[in-house]
C-alpha cells in the first residue's frame, strides 16, 4: 500500500525576504510527526496569484500529495489573495455570509472596536468547498477536495474507476489562529485517511560533532536504510539529534538500542528532553543542591538552571562576580591565588566552585571564569579560553575549553558544556 503524502505551502513575501521566520511549517511538521505522519514536500512562495495556483497544481499533480496544507494570505489587506487564488483554481465562486458578518461585528463591538469595512472580505463563503471555523480570529479557512484518477493511477486505473481524493486546506498565517485551526479541524481530517502511521523518535546528544556520530553508526545506517529513515539534526550550540522514522515500531526500537549502545556517553535524552530538565531530574532524584559563581557567563548558567519549574528544590543561589574584588569579597577566592595565576585560571575556577558551595552550604558548587571576548585576550590566554570548576563530594573537577572569537557564542557554549559536564559527573556517581 502506498504511503500517504503531505505537502505544505507557506505564502508570504515577508517569509521570502527574511523579515518573518517560517515557524508555521516547522510546527505543522512536528504535529504531524507526533500523529504518525510526515511531510513530503514544502514550498514557500510569494503573495502572487499565479504562483499560488501553480504550486497547488504542482503538489497535486507532480508530487501526488493526498493532503496539501496552505498557510498565509487570508487576512483583510490588499496582499491577502489566497482566497481568490483558491476560488480561481477550483473554479468556484463566493457569496456574502451575512450571518458571519454579524458575528464578526458583534465580536469587534465587544472589544470596543468598530468593524472596518476592509474585514468584509473575510465574511464571504465559498460554494463548492467548506469553510473552516476560526475560534481565535476573524479569517476562516478553506477546505476543498479534488479527484482525478489519471494523474495518479494511469489510464487503466481510470477504466477501473479508481480515483484519489486530495484534500486542500487553507489556513491563516497568524500562528495562534493557524494552530487552533490545525488542531481542531485539519489534523482530524487528515487522520481519518491515515492507514500507514509512522513512528518518529529522536536520540539527543551533546558534546560530539555530527561527523563523528555518523562514523560510529555508518554500518547501521546502511543496514537499515530501506526500513528506517535516519537523519542527523544539528542544533545551534546544544548538540545533534539522531532522528529515526519508520513504520515498524519494533525495528525502530531495536535500531535505537543499537545506536545508544555505541554512542551512549554522548546521549543526554530522547525526543523533547532538554538538557536542563535532565539535570534537574538528577538533582531532585539524588536530593542534591547547587550554587554558582559566574564570571564570564554573567548569570547565564543560573538562569538556565532555574528555567525549570520547581528549581528552588535544588538551586540555592549564585554570584555574578566579574571583578576580582567580588571574587575575593563575595565568594572568598584568595587574593594571592588571583595574583599568582590570574583571574582566568583553573586554580581560580576551582576556588570559585568550592567556595560558593561552602558559602551557600550546597552539595555542588560551580565556578566559571574565562575571556569571552572580543577583547581582553593575550598570547598565553586568548579570547575563548574558559575554565569551569565543579565541586562535588569533596572532589574538584576542572575543565578547560578553548572556544571561539565570538563573545555570545563563548558564553552560550560554556553554559551548555558546563551543564553536560555536571550531567556526566552525576551519572557516574
Protein backbone atom coordinates (compact mmCIF):
# COMPACT_ATOMS: atom_id res chain seq x y z
CA UNK A 1 0.00 0.00 0.00
CA UNK A 2 1.33 3.42 -0.97
CA UNK A 3 2.14 5.71 1.92
CA UNK A 4 0.22 8.93 2.32
CA UNK A 5 1.88 12.07 1.01
CA UNK A 6 1.52 15.51 2.62
CA UNK A 7 2.59 18.84 1.18
CA UNK A 8 2.89 22.27 2.83
CA UNK A 9 2.73 25.64 1.09
CA UNK A 10 3.59 28.74 3.11
CA UNK A 11 2.64 32.03 1.45
CA UNK A 12 4.07 35.47 2.14
CA UNK A 13 6.54 37.97 0.72
CA UNK A 14 7.77 38.54 4.28
CA UNK A 15 8.83 34.88 4.53
CA UNK A 16 10.97 35.09 1.40
CA UNK A 17 12.54 38.40 2.41
CA UNK A 18 13.54 37.05 5.82
CA UNK A 19 11.53 39.59 7.79
CA UNK A 20 9.43 36.75 9.21
CA UNK A 21 10.76 33.30 10.07
CA UNK A 22 8.68 30.43 8.71
CA UNK A 23 7.89 28.74 12.01
CA UNK A 24 4.44 27.60 10.84
CA UNK A 25 5.77 24.87 8.56
CA UNK A 26 8.09 23.55 11.27
CA UNK A 27 5.26 23.45 13.80
CA UNK A 28 2.91 21.66 11.40
CA UNK A 29 5.61 19.12 10.58
CA UNK A 30 6.19 18.42 14.26
CA UNK A 31 2.46 17.96 14.90
CA UNK A 32 2.14 15.56 12.00
CA UNK A 33 5.12 13.51 13.16
CA UNK A 34 3.62 13.28 16.63
CA UNK A 35 0.47 11.92 14.99
CA UNK A 36 2.41 9.32 12.99
CA UNK A 37 2.69 11.18 9.66
CA UNK A 38 5.40 13.10 7.85
CA UNK A 39 5.68 15.97 5.39
CA UNK A 40 6.93 15.03 1.92
CA UNK A 41 7.28 18.44 0.26
CA UNK A 42 7.26 22.09 1.32
CA UNK A 43 7.24 25.24 -0.80
CA UNK A 44 7.45 28.85 0.32
CA UNK A 45 6.05 31.25 -2.27
CA UNK A 46 5.18 34.97 -2.55
CA UNK A 47 1.73 36.55 -2.35
CA UNK A 48 1.26 36.02 -6.07
CA UNK A 49 -1.89 34.73 -7.73
CA UNK A 50 -0.16 32.68 -10.43
CA UNK A 51 2.42 31.23 -8.02
CA UNK A 52 -0.30 30.04 -5.64
CA UNK A 53 -2.26 28.28 -8.38
CA UNK A 54 0.86 26.78 -9.98
CA UNK A 55 2.16 25.43 -6.66
CA UNK A 56 -1.20 23.89 -5.78
CA UNK A 57 -1.20 22.18 -9.17
CA UNK A 58 2.43 21.07 -8.80
CA UNK A 59 1.96 19.45 -5.39
CA UNK A 60 -1.27 17.80 -6.55
CA UNK A 61 -0.12 16.63 -9.97
CA UNK A 62 3.65 16.09 -9.75
CA UNK A 63 4.05 15.16 -6.08
CA UNK A 64 0.74 13.29 -5.95
CA UNK A 65 0.02 14.62 -2.45
CA UNK A 66 -3.00 13.32 -0.58
CA UNK A 67 -3.20 16.45 1.61
CA UNK A 68 -1.98 19.94 0.75
CA UNK A 69 -1.78 22.35 3.67
CA UNK A 70 -1.53 26.09 2.93
CA UNK A 71 -0.91 28.91 5.41
CA UNK A 72 -0.92 32.66 4.84
CA UNK A 73 -2.76 35.26 2.83
CA UNK A 74 -6.24 35.04 4.37
CA UNK A 75 -6.21 38.48 6.01
CA UNK A 76 -8.21 41.57 5.00
CA UNK A 77 -5.43 43.58 3.32
CA UNK A 78 -4.68 44.03 -0.37
CA UNK A 79 -1.84 41.49 -0.42
CA UNK A 80 -4.03 38.71 1.03
CA UNK A 81 -5.02 36.91 -2.16
CA UNK A 82 -5.07 33.24 -1.13
CA UNK A 83 -8.89 33.04 -1.11
CA UNK A 84 -9.25 34.47 -4.61
CA UNK A 85 -6.49 32.15 -5.87
CA UNK A 86 -8.26 29.11 -4.39
CA UNK A 87 -11.59 30.17 -5.90
CA UNK A 88 -9.96 30.50 -9.32
CA UNK A 89 -8.08 27.22 -9.01
CA UNK A 90 -11.18 25.26 -8.02
CA UNK A 91 -13.43 27.11 -10.50
CA UNK A 92 -15.64 28.24 -7.63
CA UNK A 93 -17.39 31.44 -6.61
CA UNK A 94 -18.24 33.03 -3.28
CA UNK A 95 -21.13 34.86 -1.69
CA UNK A 96 -21.56 37.26 1.20
CA UNK A 97 -22.28 35.50 4.50
CA UNK A 98 -24.39 37.98 6.41
CA UNK A 99 -24.69 35.73 9.44
CA UNK A 100 -20.92 35.51 9.82
CA UNK A 101 -20.55 39.26 9.20
CA UNK A 102 -22.91 39.95 12.09
CA UNK A 103 -20.91 37.62 14.33
CA UNK A 104 -17.67 39.42 13.42
CA UNK A 105 -19.28 42.82 14.03
CA UNK A 106 -20.52 41.70 17.43
CA UNK A 107 -17.07 40.39 18.32
CA UNK A 108 -15.42 43.71 17.42
CA UNK A 109 -18.10 45.66 19.28
CA UNK A 110 -17.43 43.60 22.40
CA UNK A 111 -13.79 44.74 22.17
CA UNK A 112 -14.93 48.38 21.78
CA UNK A 113 -13.81 48.49 18.13
CA UNK A 114 -15.87 49.47 15.11
CA UNK A 115 -15.69 46.75 12.46
CA UNK A 116 -13.65 48.07 9.47
CA UNK A 117 -15.28 47.61 6.06
CA UNK A 118 -11.97 46.08 4.99
CA UNK A 119 -12.89 42.99 7.01
CA UNK A 120 -15.96 42.41 4.85
CA UNK A 121 -13.95 40.20 2.50
CA UNK A 122 -13.50 37.77 5.42
CA UNK A 123 -17.28 37.34 5.65
CA UNK A 124 -17.63 35.74 2.21
CA UNK A 125 -18.08 31.99 1.93
CA UNK A 126 -17.22 29.62 -0.88
CA UNK A 127 -19.84 27.45 -2.62
CA UNK A 128 -18.02 24.24 -3.60
CA UNK A 129 -15.82 23.77 -0.55
CA UNK A 130 -16.21 24.07 3.21
CA UNK A 131 -15.33 27.00 5.46
CA UNK A 132 -13.04 26.08 8.35
CA UNK A 133 -14.09 27.79 11.62
CA UNK A 134 -11.65 30.22 13.23
CA UNK A 135 -12.13 30.12 17.00
CA UNK A 136 -9.49 32.74 17.82
CA UNK A 137 -9.60 35.16 14.87
CA UNK A 138 -11.70 36.52 12.04
CA UNK A 139 -10.37 34.83 8.87
CA UNK A 140 -11.98 31.45 8.26
CA UNK A 141 -10.06 28.72 6.48
CA UNK A 142 -10.93 26.84 3.30
CA UNK A 143 -11.30 23.11 2.66
CA UNK A 144 -11.60 21.77 -0.87
CA UNK A 145 -11.29 18.26 -2.26
CA UNK A 146 -10.29 17.25 -5.75
CA UNK A 147 -10.28 13.88 -7.52
CA UNK A 148 -8.56 12.80 -10.68
CA UNK A 149 -7.56 9.21 -11.37
CA UNK A 150 -5.43 9.90 -14.46
CA UNK A 151 -2.81 11.87 -12.55
CA UNK A 152 -2.20 9.07 -10.07
CA UNK A 153 -3.04 5.63 -11.39
CA UNK A 154 -2.90 5.87 -15.19
CA UNK A 155 -5.45 5.17 -17.88
CA UNK A 156 -6.04 1.54 -16.83
CA UNK A 157 -6.97 2.63 -13.33
CA UNK A 158 -9.40 5.16 -14.77
CA UNK A 159 -11.16 2.36 -16.60
CA UNK A 160 -11.48 0.50 -13.30
CA UNK A 161 -12.92 3.62 -11.72
CA UNK A 162 -10.04 4.10 -9.28
CA UNK A 163 -9.60 7.65 -8.01
CA UNK A 164 -7.78 9.52 -5.32
CA UNK A 165 -9.41 12.27 -3.27
CA UNK A 166 -6.99 15.02 -2.33
CA UNK A 167 -7.66 17.46 0.50
CA UNK A 168 -6.63 21.13 0.14
CA UNK A 169 -6.62 23.20 3.33
CA UNK A 170 -6.00 26.95 3.54
CA UNK A 171 -5.32 28.44 6.98
CA UNK A 172 -4.28 31.90 8.23
CA UNK A 173 -0.60 32.70 8.65
CA UNK A 174 -1.12 34.15 12.14
CA UNK A 175 0.42 31.38 14.32
CA UNK A 176 -2.24 31.42 17.04
CA UNK A 177 -5.08 31.16 14.52
CA UNK A 178 -3.29 28.58 12.36
CA UNK A 179 -2.52 26.32 15.34
CA UNK A 180 -6.10 26.42 16.60
CA UNK A 181 -7.49 25.63 13.17
CA UNK A 182 -4.97 22.85 12.55
CA UNK A 183 -5.65 21.11 15.87
CA UNK A 184 -9.43 21.44 15.73
CA UNK A 185 -10.11 20.74 12.07
CA UNK A 186 -7.21 19.96 9.72
CA UNK A 187 -5.38 17.28 11.72
CA UNK A 188 -8.58 15.30 12.50
CA UNK A 189 -9.48 15.37 8.78
CA UNK A 190 -6.05 14.07 7.79
CA UNK A 191 -6.07 11.39 10.49
CA UNK A 192 -9.26 9.93 9.03
CA UNK A 193 -7.29 8.78 5.99
CA UNK A 194 -4.06 7.70 7.70
CA UNK A 195 -3.71 3.93 7.45
CA UNK A 196 0.10 3.75 7.47
CA UNK A 197 1.31 5.53 10.59
CA UNK A 198 4.99 6.18 11.07
CA UNK A 199 6.84 6.35 14.36
CA UNK A 200 9.46 9.01 15.00
CA UNK A 201 11.96 9.01 17.85
CA UNK A 202 14.95 11.24 18.50
CA UNK A 203 18.17 10.44 20.32
CA UNK A 204 19.53 13.69 21.80
CA UNK A 205 23.30 14.03 22.01
CA UNK A 206 25.73 16.76 23.01
CA UNK A 207 29.49 17.21 23.10
CA UNK A 208 30.18 15.39 19.83
CA UNK A 209 30.24 16.56 16.18
CA UNK A 210 27.75 15.20 13.65
CA UNK A 211 30.51 13.61 11.56
CA UNK A 212 31.84 11.52 14.46
CA UNK A 213 28.33 10.33 15.35
CA UNK A 214 27.70 9.26 11.78
CA UNK A 215 31.05 7.47 11.57
CA UNK A 216 30.18 5.40 14.65
CA UNK A 217 26.93 4.10 13.14
CA UNK A 218 27.70 4.03 9.39
CA UNK A 219 27.04 0.30 9.10
CA UNK A 220 23.69 0.62 10.93
CA UNK A 221 22.62 3.40 8.56
CA UNK A 222 23.46 1.18 5.59
CA UNK A 223 21.78 -1.93 7.03
CA UNK A 224 18.54 -0.15 7.96
CA UNK A 225 18.25 2.44 5.18
CA UNK A 226 15.36 0.64 3.45
CA UNK A 227 13.28 0.20 6.61
CA UNK A 228 14.10 3.31 8.63
CA UNK A 229 14.95 6.90 7.79
CA UNK A 230 17.93 8.11 9.87
CA UNK A 231 18.57 11.86 9.98
CA UNK A 232 21.15 13.97 11.82
CA UNK A 233 19.77 17.28 13.09
CA UNK A 234 22.40 19.66 14.49
CA UNK A 235 21.11 22.27 16.94
CA UNK A 236 22.92 25.54 17.43
CA UNK A 237 25.32 25.08 20.35
CA UNK A 238 23.44 22.28 22.06
CA UNK A 239 24.36 19.21 20.02
CA UNK A 240 22.98 16.79 17.45
CA UNK A 241 19.71 14.85 17.38
CA UNK A 242 19.62 11.47 15.63
CA UNK A 243 16.06 11.17 14.35
CA UNK A 244 14.66 7.76 13.44
CA UNK A 245 11.45 7.44 11.38
CA UNK A 246 9.83 4.14 10.43
CA UNK A 247 6.52 2.38 10.11
CA UNK A 248 7.86 -0.59 12.09
CA UNK A 249 7.99 0.26 15.81
CA UNK A 250 9.83 -2.93 16.81
CA UNK A 251 12.52 -2.40 14.19
CA UNK A 252 12.88 1.25 15.20
CA UNK A 253 13.29 0.40 18.89
CA UNK A 254 15.88 -2.27 18.05
CA UNK A 255 17.86 0.23 15.98
CA UNK A 256 17.56 2.89 18.69
CA UNK A 257 19.01 0.47 21.27
CA UNK A 258 21.93 -0.40 18.98
CA UNK A 259 22.74 3.28 18.38
CA UNK A 260 22.58 4.14 22.09
CA UNK A 261 24.87 1.21 22.86
CA UNK A 262 27.52 2.77 20.61
CA UNK A 263 27.15 6.48 21.37
CA UNK A 264 25.61 6.32 24.84
CA UNK A 265 28.19 8.54 26.53
CA UNK A 266 27.01 11.46 24.39
CA UNK A 267 23.28 10.79 24.87
CA UNK A 268 21.51 13.04 27.37
CA UNK A 269 17.91 12.30 26.49
CA UNK A 270 15.26 11.41 23.94
CA UNK A 271 12.58 13.16 21.87
CA UNK A 272 11.73 16.50 23.55
CA UNK A 273 14.04 16.15 26.58
CA UNK A 274 16.01 19.28 27.45
CA UNK A 275 19.48 19.16 28.95
CA UNK A 276 18.48 21.31 31.90
CA UNK A 277 15.41 19.09 32.54
CA UNK A 278 17.60 16.00 32.63
CA UNK A 279 19.99 17.64 35.10
CA UNK A 280 17.13 18.97 37.23
CA UNK A 281 15.75 15.43 37.48
CA UNK A 282 19.18 14.15 38.56
CA UNK A 283 19.39 16.85 41.25
CA UNK A 284 15.90 16.04 42.56
CA UNK A 285 16.36 12.26 42.34
CA UNK A 286 19.62 12.43 44.34
CA UNK A 287 18.35 15.20 46.65
CA UNK A 288 21.24 17.49 45.72
CA UNK A 289 21.56 21.27 45.94
CA UNK A 290 23.71 23.54 43.78
CA UNK A 291 25.02 27.11 43.74
CA UNK A 292 27.05 29.01 41.15
CA UNK A 293 29.81 31.60 40.89
CA UNK A 294 30.00 33.03 37.36
CA UNK A 295 32.38 35.49 35.84
CA UNK A 296 32.33 35.48 32.01
CA UNK A 297 28.83 33.93 31.73
CA UNK A 298 27.31 36.61 33.98
CA UNK A 299 24.49 34.53 35.46
CA UNK A 300 23.54 32.64 32.29
CA UNK A 301 24.16 29.29 33.99
CA UNK A 302 21.98 30.24 36.96
CA UNK A 303 19.25 31.37 34.55
CA UNK A 304 19.36 28.03 32.72
CA UNK A 305 19.27 26.03 35.95
CA UNK A 306 16.24 27.97 37.18
CA UNK A 307 14.35 27.79 33.89
CA UNK A 308 12.63 24.72 35.31
CA UNK A 309 9.50 24.90 37.46
CA UNK A 310 10.39 23.75 40.97
CA UNK A 311 14.06 24.71 40.64
CA UNK A 312 14.04 26.07 44.20
CA UNK A 313 14.28 22.44 45.32
CA UNK A 314 17.87 22.24 44.12
CA UNK A 315 19.16 25.75 43.30
CA UNK A 316 20.08 27.87 46.33
CA UNK A 317 21.61 30.90 44.62
CA UNK A 318 24.56 32.30 42.76
CA UNK A 319 27.08 35.09 42.46
CA UNK A 320 27.91 37.07 39.34
CA UNK A 321 31.48 38.04 40.15
CA UNK A 322 33.01 39.85 37.20
CA UNK A 323 35.52 41.86 39.19
CA UNK A 324 38.40 40.42 41.20
CA UNK A 325 37.06 42.36 44.17
CA UNK A 326 33.81 40.37 44.14
CA UNK A 327 35.62 37.10 43.55
CA UNK A 328 37.58 37.81 46.73
CA UNK A 329 34.98 39.51 48.94
CA UNK A 330 31.77 37.83 47.81
CA UNK A 331 32.91 34.30 47.00
CA UNK A 332 36.05 34.03 49.10
CA UNK A 333 38.73 33.45 46.47
CA UNK A 334 42.21 34.05 47.94
CA UNK A 335 43.78 37.25 46.56
CA UNK A 336 47.16 35.55 46.35
CA UNK A 337 45.63 32.91 44.08
CA UNK A 338 44.48 35.57 41.61
CA UNK A 339 47.82 37.41 41.82
CA UNK A 340 49.76 34.22 41.19
CA UNK A 341 47.69 32.53 38.47
CA UNK A 342 45.38 35.26 37.15
CA UNK A 343 41.60 35.52 37.35
CA UNK A 344 41.25 33.27 34.31
CA UNK A 345 42.86 30.06 35.50
CA UNK A 346 41.94 26.57 36.61
CA UNK A 347 43.01 27.47 40.16
CA UNK A 348 40.52 30.34 40.37
CA UNK A 349 37.75 28.30 38.70
CA UNK A 350 38.27 25.58 41.31
CA UNK A 351 38.30 28.10 44.15
CA UNK A 352 35.08 29.70 42.88
CA UNK A 353 33.40 26.30 42.80
CA UNK A 354 34.49 25.07 46.23
CA UNK A 355 33.97 28.40 47.98
CA UNK A 356 30.50 29.05 46.59
CA UNK A 357 29.44 25.54 47.71
CA UNK A 358 30.75 26.15 51.24
CA UNK A 359 29.32 29.65 51.43
CA UNK A 360 25.82 28.52 50.41
CA UNK A 361 26.02 25.10 52.05
CA UNK A 362 25.24 23.23 48.82
CA UNK A 363 26.23 19.75 47.66
CA UNK A 364 27.56 21.11 44.38
CA UNK A 365 29.40 24.32 43.57
CA UNK A 366 30.10 25.52 40.03
CA UNK A 367 32.67 28.20 39.17
CA UNK A 368 33.19 29.72 35.72
CA UNK A 369 35.90 32.14 34.62
CA UNK A 370 37.14 32.98 31.15
CA UNK A 371 37.77 35.51 28.40
CA UNK A 372 34.51 35.83 26.48
CA UNK A 373 35.88 38.44 24.07
CA UNK A 374 36.10 40.14 21.73
CA UNK A 375 38.82 41.96 23.71
CA UNK A 376 40.97 41.01 26.67
CA UNK A 377 42.89 38.11 25.19
CA UNK A 378 46.66 37.63 25.22
CA UNK A 379 49.03 35.22 23.52
CA UNK A 380 49.04 32.96 26.59
CA UNK A 381 45.35 33.44 27.36
CA UNK A 382 43.46 34.06 24.11
CA UNK A 383 39.82 35.04 23.66
CA UNK A 384 37.68 31.93 24.10
CA UNK A 385 39.74 30.45 26.93
CA UNK A 386 37.33 29.27 29.64
CA UNK A 387 37.77 27.27 32.85
CA UNK A 388 34.87 25.51 34.56
CA UNK A 389 35.21 24.17 38.09
CA UNK A 390 32.71 21.72 39.61
CA UNK A 391 32.91 20.86 43.30
CA UNK A 392 31.07 17.69 44.36
CA UNK A 393 31.57 15.17 47.18
CA UNK A 394 34.84 16.89 48.17
CA UNK A 395 36.19 16.32 44.67
CA UNK A 396 37.12 19.13 42.31
CA UNK A 397 36.60 18.67 38.58
CA UNK A 398 38.22 21.23 36.28
CA UNK A 399 37.54 21.57 32.56
CA UNK A 400 39.49 23.81 30.21
CA UNK A 401 37.92 24.94 26.93
CA UNK A 402 39.40 26.85 24.00
CA UNK A 403 36.32 28.15 22.25
CA UNK A 404 35.73 30.83 19.58
CA UNK A 405 36.47 34.53 18.94
CA UNK A 406 32.74 35.29 19.31
CA UNK A 407 31.56 36.62 22.69
CA UNK A 408 27.94 35.42 22.66
CA UNK A 409 28.92 32.01 21.28
CA UNK A 410 31.52 31.56 24.02
CA UNK A 411 29.06 32.40 26.78
CA UNK A 412 26.26 30.16 25.48
CA UNK A 413 28.61 27.30 24.68
CA UNK A 414 30.25 27.46 28.11
CA UNK A 415 26.88 27.05 29.82
CA UNK A 416 25.98 24.02 27.69
CA UNK A 417 29.41 22.39 28.16
CA UNK A 418 29.19 23.01 31.89
CA UNK A 419 25.68 21.52 32.16
CA UNK A 420 26.77 18.44 30.25
CA UNK A 421 29.82 18.00 32.49
CA UNK A 422 27.58 18.14 35.56
CA UNK A 423 25.33 15.53 33.92
CA UNK A 424 28.28 13.19 33.31
CA UNK A 425 29.60 13.57 36.86
CA UNK A 426 26.22 12.84 38.40
CA UNK A 427 25.58 9.86 36.11
CA UNK A 428 28.88 8.29 37.25
CA UNK A 429 28.25 8.81 40.97
